[in-house]
Amino acid sequence: MANTLDELIRTSENPVFIDFWAEWCGPCRTMAQAVQELAKEFSGRITVVKVNVDRQPDAAARFQVQSIPALLLFDKGAVKWRTAGAMPYASLRQEVLMALGSGRL
């Protein structure tokens, strides 16, 4: 098990999806259901992590998160996709599939 976010990104055999969020953020609350659905649908194929920017500001700074929700997808340690703002689940799912290539999942 990885001890840090950086270690998880570097060593995970599965792609790592990170949701940077905060409790006070309305769009983050909107995205929470979509992120949960992504984690459920791709269980065992994608590792989903939620990072509270108020509790882990260093992580947000390290990944240059300037607005939230910020969604990042890493594969084999490299950023494959990133966006900020809310979107419907169907769009999120499609973006993830395109970023990884549908054959990867």
PDB file of N, CA and C in Angstrom:
ATOM      1  N   MET A   1       0.850  -1.192   0.000  1.00  0.00           N
ATOM      2  CA  MET A   1       0.000   0.000   0.000  1.00  0.00           C
ATOM      3  C   MET A   1       0.890   1.248   0.000  1.00  0.00           C
ATOM      4  N   ALA A   2       0.543   2.182  -0.836  1.00  0.00           N
ATOM      5  CA  ALA A   2       1.329   3.413  -0.948  1.00  0.00           C
ATOM      6  C   ALA A   2       1.127   4.290   0.284  1.00  0.00           C
ATOM      7  N   ASN A   3       2.204   4.919   0.733  1.00  0.00           N
ATOM      8  CA  ASN A   3       2.152   5.781   1.911  1.00  0.00           C
ATOM      9  C   ASN A   3       1.806   7.222   1.569  1.00  0.00           C
ATOM     10  N   THR A   4       2.103   7.636   0.361  1.00  0.00           N
ATOM     11  CA  THR A   4       1.845   9.020  -0.029  1.00  0.00           C
ATOM     12  C   THR A   4       1.142   9.046  -1.383  1.00  0.00           C
ATOM     13  N   LEU A   5       0.563  10.178  -1.686  1.00  0.00           N
ATOM     14  CA  LEU A   5      -0.098  10.364  -2.971  1.00  0.00           C
ATOM     15  C   LEU A   5       0.903  10.199  -4.111  1.00  0.00           C
ATOM     16  N   ASP A   6       2.075  10.783  -3.965  1.00  0.00           N
ATOM     17  CA  ASP A   6       3.105  10.668  -5.003  1.00  0.00           C
ATOM     18  C   ASP A   6       3.497   9.209  -5.227  1.00  0.00           C
ATOM     19  N   GLU A   7       3.648   8.469  -4.140  1.00  0.00           N
ATOM     20  CA  GLU A   7       4.021   7.063  -4.248  1.00  0.00           C
ATOM     21  C   GLU A   7       2.916   6.259  -4.936  1.00  0.00           C
ATOM     22  N   LEU A   8       1.671   6.548  -4.591  1.00  0.00           N
ATOM     23  CA  LEU A   8       0.541   5.862  -5.223  1.00  0.00           C
ATOM     24  C   LEU A   8       0.550   6.115  -6.729  1.00  0.00           C
ATOM     25  N   ILE A   9       0.723   7.362  -7.126  1.00  0.00           N
ATOM     26  CA  ILE A   9       0.740   7.718  -8.549  1.00  0.00           C
ATOM     27  C   ILE A   9       1.869   6.989  -9.276  1.00  0.00           C
ATOM     28  N   ARG A  10       3.019   6.922  -8.648  1.00  0.00           N
ATOM     29  CA  ARG A  10       4.194   6.290  -9.259  1.00  0.00           C
ATOM     30  C   ARG A  10       4.086   4.776  -9.340  1.00  0.00           C
ATOM     31  N   THR A  11       3.510   4.147  -8.324  1.00  0.00           N
ATOM     32  CA  THR A  11       3.596   2.687  -8.214  1.00  0.00           C
ATOM     33  C   THR A  11       2.311   1.940  -8.543  1.00  0.00           C
ATOM     34  N   SER A  12       1.202   2.623  -8.666  1.00  0.00           N
ATOM     35  CA  SER A  12      -0.064   1.936  -8.900  1.00  0.00           C
ATOM     36  C   SER A  12      -0.068   1.231 -10.253  1.00  0.00           C
ATOM     37  N   GLU A  13      -0.535  -0.004 -10.242  1.00  0.00           N
ATOM     38  CA  GLU A  13      -0.678  -0.737 -11.500  1.00  0.00           C
ATOM     39  C   GLU A  13      -1.885  -0.231 -12.271  1.00  0.00           C
ATOM     40  N   ASN A  14      -2.861   0.310 -11.552  1.00  0.00           N
ATOM     41  CA  ASN A  14      -4.053   0.874 -12.173  1.00  0.00           C
ATOM     42  C   ASN A  14      -3.875   2.382 -12.354  1.00  0.00           C
ATOM     43  N   PRO A  15      -4.578   2.963 -13.319  1.00  0.00           N
ATOM     44  CA  PRO A  15      -4.599   4.419 -13.401  1.00  0.00           C
ATOM     45  C   PRO A  15      -5.140   4.999 -12.093  1.00  0.00           C
ATOM     46  N   VAL A  16      -4.686   6.197 -11.744  1.00  0.00           N
ATOM     47  CA  VAL A  16      -5.105   6.854 -10.506  1.00  0.00           C
ATOM     48  C   VAL A  16      -5.873   8.124 -10.876  1.00  0.00           C
ATOM     49  N   PHE A  17      -7.118   8.195 -10.408  1.00  0.00           N
ATOM     50  CA  PHE A  17      -7.996   9.339 -10.638  1.00  0.00           C
ATOM     51  C   PHE A  17      -8.065  10.117  -9.338  1.00  0.00           C
ATOM     52  N   ILE A  18      -7.722  11.407  -9.368  1.00  0.00           N
ATOM     53  CA  ILE A  18      -7.722  12.224  -8.149  1.00  0.00           C
ATOM     54  C   ILE A  18      -8.740  13.342  -8.289  1.00  0.00           C
ATOM     55  N   ASP A  19      -9.588  13.449  -7.275  1.00  0.00           N
ATOM     56  CA  ASP A  19     -10.580  14.516  -7.183  1.00  0.00           C
ATOM     57  C   ASP A  19     -10.137  15.458  -6.070  1.00  0.00           C
ATOM     58  N   PHE A  20      -9.682  16.662  -6.447  1.00  0.00           N
ATOM     59  CA  PHE A  20      -9.341  17.694  -5.466  1.00  0.00           C
ATOM     60  C   PHE A  20     -10.614  18.474  -5.183  1.00  0.00           C
ATOM     61  N   TRP A  21     -11.010  18.559  -3.928  1.00  0.00           N
ATOM     62  CA  TRP A  21     -12.300  19.135  -3.550  1.00  0.00           C
ATOM     63  C   TRP A  21     -12.208  19.827  -2.200  1.00  0.00           C
ATOM     64  N   ALA A  22     -13.300  20.481  -1.797  1.00  0.00           N
ATOM     65  CA  ALA A  22     -13.431  21.076  -0.456  1.00  0.00           C
ATOM     66  C   ALA A  22     -14.904  21.003  -0.060  1.00  0.00           C
ATOM     67  N   GLU A  23     -15.138  20.953   1.245  1.00  0.00           N
ATOM     68  CA  GLU A  23     -16.511  20.827   1.754  1.00  0.00           C
ATOM     69  C   GLU A  23     -17.375  22.022   1.389  1.00  0.00           C
ATOM     70  N   TRP A  24     -16.794  23.209   1.315  1.00  0.00           N
ATOM     71  CA  TRP A  24     -17.551  24.434   1.046  1.00  0.00           C
ATOM     72  C   TRP A  24     -17.837  24.657  -0.435  1.00  0.00           C
ATOM     73  N   CYS A  25     -17.327  23.807  -1.290  1.00  0.00           N
ATOM     74  CA  CYS A  25     -17.408  23.981  -2.741  1.00  0.00           C
ATOM     75  C   CYS A  25     -18.663  23.314  -3.313  1.00  0.00           C
ATOM     76  N   GLY A  26     -19.595  24.127  -3.801  1.00  0.00           N
ATOM     77  CA  GLY A  26     -20.830  23.601  -4.385  1.00  0.00           C
ATOM     78  C   GLY A  26     -20.597  22.677  -5.573  1.00  0.00           C
ATOM     79  N   PRO A  27     -19.799  23.090  -6.569  1.00  0.00           N
ATOM     80  CA  PRO A  27     -19.530  22.194  -7.701  1.00  0.00           C
ATOM     81  C   PRO A  27     -18.850  20.882  -7.269  1.00  0.00           C
ATOM     82  N   CYS A  28     -18.062  20.936  -6.189  1.00  0.00           N
ATOM     83  CA  CYS A  28     -17.424  19.714  -5.678  1.00  0.00           C
ATOM     84  C   CYS A  28     -18.488  18.743  -5.172  1.00  0.00           C
ATOM     85  N   ARG A  29     -19.483  19.282  -4.472  1.00  0.00           N
ATOM     86  CA  ARG A  29     -20.579  18.437  -3.983  1.00  0.00           C
ATOM     87  C   ARG A  29     -21.349  17.846  -5.162  1.00  0.00           C
ATOM     88  N   THR A  30     -21.513  18.641  -6.225  1.00  0.00           N
ATOM     89  CA  THR A  30     -22.180  18.151  -7.432  1.00  0.00           C
ATOM     90  C   THR A  30     -21.398  16.987  -8.037  1.00  0.00           C
ATOM     91  N   MET A  31     -20.075  17.087  -8.056  1.00  0.00           N
ATOM     92  CA  MET A  31     -19.224  16.055  -8.655  1.00  0.00           C
ATOM     93  C   MET A  31     -19.074  14.814  -7.783  1.00  0.00           C
ATOM     94  N   ALA A  32     -19.357  14.923  -6.505  1.00  0.00           N
ATOM     95  CA  ALA A  32     -19.137  13.801  -5.591  1.00  0.00           C
ATOM     96  C   ALA A  32     -19.844  12.535  -6.066  1.00  0.00           C
ATOM     97  N   GLN A  33     -21.080  12.655  -6.500  1.00  0.00           N
ATOM     98  CA  GLN A  33     -21.836  11.488  -6.971  1.00  0.00           C
ATOM     99  C   GLN A  33     -21.202  10.894  -8.223  1.00  0.00           C
ATOM    100  N   ALA A  34     -20.783  11.743  -9.154  1.00  0.00           N
ATOM    101  CA  ALA A  34     -20.158  11.259 -10.390  1.00  0.00           C
ATOM    102  C   ALA A  34     -18.841  10.543 -10.090  1.00  0.00           C
ATOM    103  N   VAL A  35     -18.050  11.085  -9.174  1.00  0.00           N
ATOM    104  CA  VAL A  35     -16.775  10.458  -8.805  1.00  0.00           C
ATOM    105  C   VAL A  35     -17.034   9.120  -8.126  1.00  0.00           C
ATOM    106  N   GLN A  36     -18.039   9.071  -7.270  1.00  0.00           N
ATOM    107  CA  GLN A  36     -18.405   7.817  -6.592  1.00  0.00           C
ATOM    108  C   GLN A  36     -18.858   6.775  -7.622  1.00  0.00           C
ATOM    109  N   GLU A  37     -19.625   7.194  -8.602  1.00  0.00           N
ATOM    110  CA  GLU A  37     -20.092   6.289  -9.647  1.00  0.00           C
ATOM    111  C   GLU A  37     -18.920   5.791 -10.493  1.00  0.00           C
ATOM    112  N   LEU A  38     -17.967   6.668 -10.791  1.00  0.00           N
ATOM    113  CA  LEU A  38     -16.769   6.276 -11.536  1.00  0.00           C
ATOM    114  C   LEU A  38     -16.004   5.200 -10.759  1.00  0.00           C
ATOM    115  N   ALA A  39     -15.824   5.432  -9.463  1.00  0.00           N
ATOM    116  CA  ALA A  39     -15.109   4.471  -8.617  1.00  0.00           C
ATOM    117  C   ALA A  39     -15.821   3.125  -8.615  1.00  0.00           C
ATOM    118  N   LYS A  40     -17.131   3.150  -8.571  1.00  0.00           N
ATOM    119  CA  LYS A  40     -17.915   1.911  -8.545  1.00  0.00           C
ATOM    120  C   LYS A  40     -17.835   1.179  -9.883  1.00  0.00           C
ATOM    121  N   GLU A  41     -18.070   1.907 -10.977  1.00  0.00           N
ATOM    122  CA  GLU A  41     -18.060   1.267 -12.299  1.00  0.00           C
ATOM    123  C   GLU A  41     -16.695   0.701 -12.670  1.00  0.00           C
ATOM    124  N   PHE A  42     -15.626   1.410 -12.310  1.00  0.00           N
ATOM    125  CA  PHE A  42     -14.283   0.992 -12.693  1.00  0.00           C
ATOM    126  C   PHE A  42     -13.501   0.372 -11.535  1.00  0.00           C
ATOM    127  N   SER A  43     -14.211  -0.123 -10.538  1.00  0.00           N
ATOM    128  CA  SER A  43     -13.587  -0.771  -9.376  1.00  0.00           C
ATOM    129  C   SER A  43     -12.628  -1.869  -9.837  1.00  0.00           C
ATOM    130  N   GLY A  44     -11.412  -1.835  -9.299  1.00  0.00           N
ATOM    131  CA  GLY A  44     -10.402  -2.821  -9.675  1.00  0.00           C
ATOM    132  C   GLY A  44      -9.627  -2.445 -10.925  1.00  0.00           C
ATOM    133  N   ARG A  45     -10.094  -1.392 -11.635  1.00  0.00           N
ATOM    134  CA  ARG A  45      -9.411  -0.975 -12.863  1.00  0.00           C
ATOM    135  C   ARG A  45      -8.852   0.433 -12.762  1.00  0.00           C
ATOM    136  N   ILE A  46      -9.449   1.251 -11.893  1.00  0.00           N
ATOM    137  CA  ILE A  46      -8.974   2.614 -11.625  1.00  0.00           C
ATOM    138  C   ILE A  46      -8.973   2.812 -10.114  1.00  0.00           C
ATOM    139  N   THR A  47      -7.935   3.443  -9.605  1.00  0.00           N
ATOM    140  CA  THR A  47      -7.890   3.811  -8.192  1.00  0.00           C
ATOM    141  C   THR A  47      -8.367   5.251  -8.086  1.00  0.00           C
ATOM    142  N   VAL A  48      -9.434   5.460  -7.316  1.00  0.00           N
ATOM    143  CA  VAL A  48     -10.014   6.796  -7.155  1.00  0.00           C
ATOM    144  C   VAL A  48      -9.651   7.331  -5.777  1.00  0.00           C
ATOM    145  N   VAL A  49      -9.116   8.552  -5.756  1.00  0.00           N
ATOM    146  CA  VAL A  49      -8.683   9.194  -4.520  1.00  0.00           C
ATOM    147  C   VAL A  49      -9.311  10.582  -4.447  1.00  0.00           C
ATOM    148  N   LYS A  50      -9.823  10.938  -3.281  1.00  0.00           N
ATOM    149  CA  LYS A  50     -10.352  12.286  -3.050  1.00  0.00           C
ATOM    150  C   LYS A  50      -9.372  13.010  -2.130  1.00  0.00           C
ATOM    151  N   VAL A  51      -8.984  14.214  -2.521  1.00  0.00           N
ATOM    152  CA  VAL A  51      -8.044  15.016  -1.732  1.00  0.00           C
ATOM    153  C   VAL A  51      -8.728  16.323  -1.351  1.00  0.00           C
ATOM    154  N   ASN A  52      -8.922  16.525  -0.057  1.00  0.00           N
ATOM    155  CA  ASN A  52      -9.521  17.751   0.457  1.00  0.00           C
ATOM    156  C   ASN A  52      -8.429  18.828   0.466  1.00  0.00           C
ATOM    157  N   VAL A  53      -8.622  19.871  -0.343  1.00  0.00           N
ATOM    158  CA  VAL A  53      -7.591  20.905  -0.494  1.00  0.00           C
ATOM    159  C   VAL A  53      -7.383  21.714   0.781  1.00  0.00           C
ATOM    160  N   ASP A  54      -8.395  21.784   1.647  1.00  0.00           N
ATOM    161  CA  ASP A  54      -8.238  22.500   2.909  1.00  0.00           C
ATOM    162  C   ASP A  54      -7.381  21.713   3.888  1.00  0.00           C
ATOM    163  N   ARG A  55      -7.453  20.409   3.809  1.00  0.00           N
ATOM    164  CA  ARG A  55      -6.681  19.550   4.720  1.00  0.00           C
ATOM    165  C   ARG A  55      -5.305  19.196   4.153  1.00  0.00           C
ATOM    166  N   GLN A  56      -5.181  19.251   2.824  1.00  0.00           N
ATOM    167  CA  GLN A  56      -3.910  18.896   2.183  1.00  0.00           C
ATOM    168  C   GLN A  56      -3.520  19.966   1.148  1.00  0.00           C
ATOM    169  N   PRO A  57      -3.287  21.197   1.623  1.00  0.00           N
ATOM    170  CA  PRO A  57      -2.952  22.271   0.680  1.00  0.00           C
ATOM    171  C   PRO A  57      -1.642  22.031  -0.063  1.00  0.00           C
ATOM    172  N   ASP A  58      -0.709  21.311   0.549  1.00  0.00           N
ATOM    173  CA  ASP A  58       0.565  21.037  -0.125  1.00  0.00           C
ATOM    174  C   ASP A  58       0.350  20.168  -1.362  1.00  0.00           C
ATOM    175  N   ALA A  59      -0.539  19.191  -1.259  1.00  0.00           N
ATOM    176  CA  ALA A  59      -0.826  18.327  -2.415  1.00  0.00           C
ATOM    177  C   ALA A  59      -1.464  19.152  -3.528  1.00  0.00           C
ATOM    178  N   ALA A  60      -2.404  20.014  -3.167  1.00  0.00           N
ATOM    179  CA  ALA A  60      -3.052  20.868  -4.168  1.00  0.00           C
ATOM    180  C   ALA A  60      -2.025  21.765  -4.854  1.00  0.00           C
ATOM    181  N   ALA A  61      -1.122  22.323  -4.083  1.00  0.00           N
ATOM    182  CA  ALA A  61      -0.086  23.188  -4.648  1.00  0.00           C
ATOM    183  C   ALA A  61       0.861  22.397  -5.551  1.00  0.00           C
ATOM    184  N   ARG A  62       1.244  21.214  -5.114  1.00  0.00           N
ATOM    185  CA  ARG A  62       2.181  20.389  -5.873  1.00  0.00           C
ATOM    186  C   ARG A  62       1.618  20.036  -7.259  1.00  0.00           C
ATOM    187  N   PHE A  63       0.299  19.840  -7.330  1.00  0.00           N
ATOM    188  CA  PHE A  63      -0.320  19.488  -8.610  1.00  0.00           C
ATOM    189  C   PHE A  63      -0.941  20.698  -9.303  1.00  0.00           C
ATOM    190  N   GLN A  64      -0.572  21.893  -8.838  1.00  0.00           N
ATOM    191  CA  GLN A  64      -0.976  23.166  -9.447  1.00  0.00           C
ATOM    192  C   GLN A  64      -2.497  23.294  -9.590  1.00  0.00           C
ATOM    193  N   VAL A  65      -3.198  22.897  -8.530  1.00  0.00           N
ATOM    194  CA  VAL A  65      -4.653  23.025  -8.508  1.00  0.00           C
ATOM    195  C   VAL A  65      -4.987  24.474  -8.192  1.00  0.00           C
ATOM    196  N   GLN A  66      -5.636  25.159  -9.135  1.00  0.00           N
ATOM    197  CA  GLN A  66      -5.969  26.565  -8.957  1.00  0.00           C
ATOM    198  C   GLN A  66      -7.460  26.785  -8.764  1.00  0.00           C
ATOM    199  N   SER A  67      -8.281  25.830  -9.186  1.00  0.00           N
ATOM    200  CA  SER A  67      -9.719  25.902  -8.937  1.00  0.00           C
ATOM    201  C   SER A  67     -10.232  24.485  -8.722  1.00  0.00           C
ATOM    202  N   ILE A  68     -11.338  24.398  -7.992  1.00  0.00           N
ATOM    203  CA  ILE A  68     -11.886  23.084  -7.675  1.00  0.00           C
ATOM    204  C   ILE A  68     -13.352  23.022  -8.074  1.00  0.00           C
ATOM    205  N   PRO A  69     -13.869  21.842  -8.328  1.00  0.00           N
ATOM    206  CA  PRO A  69     -13.159  20.571  -8.286  1.00  0.00           C
ATOM    207  C   PRO A  69     -12.132  20.480  -9.420  1.00  0.00           C
ATOM    208  N   ALA A  70     -10.979  19.944  -9.090  1.00  0.00           N
ATOM    209  CA  ALA A  70      -9.950  19.657 -10.085  1.00  0.00           C
ATOM    210  C   ALA A  70      -9.846  18.141 -10.164  1.00  0.00           C
ATOM    211  N   LEU A  71      -9.900  17.638 -11.376  1.00  0.00           N
ATOM    212  CA  LEU A  71      -9.877  16.194 -11.597  1.00  0.00           C
ATOM    213  C   LEU A  71      -8.650  15.878 -12.434  1.00  0.00           C
ATOM    214  N   LEU A  72      -7.834  14.947 -11.935  1.00  0.00           N
ATOM    215  CA  LEU A  72      -6.615  14.551 -12.631  1.00  0.00           C
ATOM    216  C   LEU A  72      -6.599  13.038 -12.776  1.00  0.00           C
ATOM    217  N   LEU A  73      -6.110  12.578 -13.900  1.00  0.00           N
ATOM    218  CA  LEU A  73      -5.989  11.153 -14.160  1.00  0.00           C
ATOM    219  C   LEU A  73      -4.540  10.849 -14.511  1.00  0.00           C
ATOM    220  N   PHE A  74      -3.938   9.951 -13.749  1.00  0.00           N
ATOM    221  CA  PHE A  74      -2.553   9.541 -13.967  1.00  0.00           C
ATOM    222  C   PHE A  74      -2.530   8.098 -14.433  1.00  0.00           C
ATOM    223  N   ASP A  75      -1.612   7.786 -15.314  1.00  0.00           N
ATOM    224  CA  ASP A  75      -1.382   6.405 -15.718  1.00  0.00           C
ATOM    225  C   ASP A  75       0.116   6.204 -15.800  1.00  0.00           C
ATOM    226  N   LYS A  76       0.596   5.222 -15.072  1.00  0.00           N
ATOM    227  CA  LYS A  76       2.035   4.928 -15.021  1.00  0.00           C
ATOM    228  C   LYS A  76       2.841   6.161 -14.627  1.00  0.00           C
ATOM    229  N   GLY A  77       2.300   6.942 -13.699  1.00  0.00           N
ATOM    230  CA  GLY A  77       3.002   8.089 -13.151  1.00  0.00           C
ATOM    231  C   GLY A  77       2.861   9.386 -13.924  1.00  0.00           C
ATOM    232  N   ALA A  78       2.244   9.342 -15.095  1.00  0.00           N
ATOM    233  CA  ALA A  78       2.121  10.546 -15.929  1.00  0.00           C
ATOM    234  C   ALA A  78       0.674  11.029 -15.970  1.00  0.00           C
ATOM    235  N   VAL A  79       0.513  12.350 -16.023  1.00  0.00           N
ATOM    236  CA  VAL A  79      -0.827  12.925 -16.154  1.00  0.00           C
ATOM    237  C   VAL A  79      -1.333  12.623 -17.555  1.00  0.00           C
ATOM    238  N   LYS A  80      -2.488  11.979 -17.630  1.00  0.00           N
ATOM    239  CA  LYS A  80      -3.105  11.666 -18.913  1.00  0.00           C
ATOM    240  C   LYS A  80      -4.249  12.613 -19.241  1.00  0.00           C
ATOM    241  N   TRP A  81      -4.826  13.220 -18.182  1.00  0.00           N
ATOM    242  CA  TRP A  81      -5.980  14.096 -18.377  1.00  0.00           C
ATOM    243  C   TRP A  81      -6.172  14.925 -17.124  1.00  0.00           C
ATOM    244  N   ARG A  82      -6.633  16.159 -17.299  1.00  0.00           N
ATOM    245  CA  ARG A  82      -6.991  16.995 -16.155  1.00  0.00           C
ATOM    246  C   ARG A  82      -8.019  18.015 -16.589  1.00  0.00           C
ATOM    247  N   THR A  83      -8.874  18.372 -15.653  1.00  0.00           N
ATOM    248  CA  THR A  83      -9.878  19.391 -15.901  1.00  0.00           C
ATOM    249  C   THR A  83     -10.275  20.004 -14.572  1.00  0.00           C
ATOM    250  N   ALA A  84     -10.996  21.093 -14.638  1.00  0.00           N
ATOM    251  CA  ALA A  84     -11.543  21.722 -13.432  1.00  0.00           C
ATOM    252  C   ALA A  84     -13.004  22.037 -13.707  1.00  0.00           C
ATOM    253  N   GLY A  85     -13.816  21.915 -12.669  1.00  0.00           N
ATOM    254  CA  GLY A  85     -15.234  22.211 -12.801  1.00  0.00           C
ATOM    255  C   GLY A  85     -16.071  20.946 -12.843  1.00  0.00           C
ATOM    256  N   ALA A  86     -17.368  21.146 -12.677  1.00  0.00           N
ATOM    257  CA  ALA A  86     -18.306  20.033 -12.643  1.00  0.00           C
ATOM    258  C   ALA A  86     -18.705  19.624 -14.059  1.00  0.00           C
ATOM    259  N   MET A  87     -19.044  18.351 -14.191  1.00  0.00           N
ATOM    260  CA  MET A  87     -19.549  17.817 -15.461  1.00  0.00           C
ATOM    261  C   MET A  87     -20.431  16.618 -15.152  1.00  0.00           C
ATOM    262  N   PRO A  88     -21.345  16.287 -16.051  1.00  0.00           N
ATOM    263  CA  PRO A  88     -22.187  15.129 -15.812  1.00  0.00           C
ATOM    264  C   PRO A  88     -21.371  13.828 -15.878  1.00  0.00           C
ATOM    265  N   TYR A  89     -21.884  12.785 -15.234  1.00  0.00           N
ATOM    266  CA  TYR A  89     -21.160  11.509 -15.189  1.00  0.00           C
ATOM    267  C   TYR A  89     -20.845  10.981 -16.585  1.00  0.00           C
ATOM    268  N   ALA A  90     -21.791  11.041 -17.500  1.00  0.00           N
ATOM    269  CA  ALA A  90     -21.558  10.510 -18.849  1.00  0.00           C
ATOM    270  C   ALA A  90     -20.350  11.185 -19.498  1.00  0.00           C
ATOM    271  N   SER A  91     -20.213  12.480 -19.312  1.00  0.00           N
ATOM    272  CA  SER A  91     -19.066  13.208 -19.871  1.00  0.00           C
ATOM    273  C   SER A  91     -17.776  12.806 -19.169  1.00  0.00           C
ATOM    274  N   LEU A  92     -17.812  12.689 -17.852  1.00  0.00           N
ATOM    275  CA  LEU A  92     -16.631  12.282 -17.085  1.00  0.00           C
ATOM    276  C   LEU A  92     -16.168  10.905 -17.530  1.00  0.00           C
ATOM    277  N   ARG A  93     -17.095   9.977 -17.625  1.00  0.00           N
ATOM    278  CA  ARG A  93     -16.782   8.606 -18.039  1.00  0.00           C
ATOM    279  C   ARG A  93     -16.137   8.617 -19.421  1.00  0.00           C
ATOM    280  N   GLN A  94     -16.719   9.358 -20.354  1.00  0.00           N
ATOM    281  CA  GLN A  94     -16.193   9.425 -21.715  1.00  0.00           C
ATOM    282  C   GLN A  94     -14.787  10.025 -21.741  1.00  0.00           C
ATOM    283  N   GLU A  95     -14.564  11.067 -20.967  1.00  0.00           N
ATOM    284  CA  GLU A  95     -13.236  11.697 -20.908  1.00  0.00           C
ATOM    285  C   GLU A  95     -12.183  10.710 -20.387  1.00  0.00           C
ATOM    286  N   VAL A  96     -12.537   9.971 -19.342  1.00  0.00           N
ATOM    287  CA  VAL A  96     -11.610   8.986 -18.767  1.00  0.00           C
ATOM    288  C   VAL A  96     -11.314   7.891 -19.789  1.00  0.00           C
ATOM    289  N   LEU A  97     -12.334   7.377 -20.435  1.00  0.00           N
ATOM    290  CA  LEU A  97     -12.124   6.331 -21.443  1.00  0.00           C
ATOM    291  C   LEU A  97     -11.244   6.828 -22.583  1.00  0.00           C
ATOM    292  N   MET A  98     -11.485   8.044 -23.040  1.00  0.00           N
ATOM    293  CA  MET A  98     -10.678   8.601 -24.134  1.00  0.00           C
ATOM    294  C   MET A  98      -9.232   8.825 -23.691  1.00  0.00           C
ATOM    295  N   ALA A  99      -9.042   9.310 -22.475  1.00  0.00           N
ATOM    296  CA  ALA A  99      -7.694   9.594 -21.981  1.00  0.00           C
ATOM    297  C   ALA A  99      -6.854   8.333 -21.880  1.00  0.00           C
ATOM    298  N   LEU A 100      -7.485   7.241 -21.510  1.00  0.00           N
ATOM    299  CA  LEU A 100      -6.755   5.989 -21.321  1.00  0.00           C
ATOM    300  C   LEU A 100      -6.810   5.095 -22.541  1.00  0.00           C
ATOM    301  N   GLY A 101      -7.650   5.432 -23.490  1.00  0.00           N
ATOM    302  CA  GLY A 101      -7.849   4.521 -24.624  1.00  0.00           C
ATOM    303  C   GLY A 101      -8.788   3.430 -24.154  1.00  0.00           C
ATOM    304  N   SER A 102      -9.897   3.238 -24.813  1.00  0.00           N
ATOM    305  CA  SER A 102     -10.928   2.313 -24.334  1.00  0.00           C
ATOM    306  C   SER A 102     -10.404   0.903 -24.136  1.00  0.00           C
ATOM    307  N   GLY A 103      -9.367   0.499 -24.859  1.00  0.00           N
ATOM    308  CA  GLY A 103      -8.802  -0.839 -24.680  1.00  0.00           C
ATOM    309  C   GLY A 103      -8.062  -1.011 -23.367  1.00  0.00           C
ATOM    310  N   ARG A 104      -7.646   0.088 -22.755  1.00  0.00           N
ATOM    311  CA  ARG A 104      -6.882   0.045 -21.489  1.00  0.00           C
ATOM    312  C   ARG A 104      -7.774  -0.383 -20.326  1.00  0.00           C
ATOM    313  N   LEU A 105      -9.071  -0.098 -20.417  1.00  0.00           N
ATOM    314  CA  LEU A 105      -9.979  -0.438 -19.343  1.00  0.00           C
ATOM    315  C   LEU A 105     -10.826  -1.585 -19.813  1.00  0.00           C
TER     316      LEU A 105
END
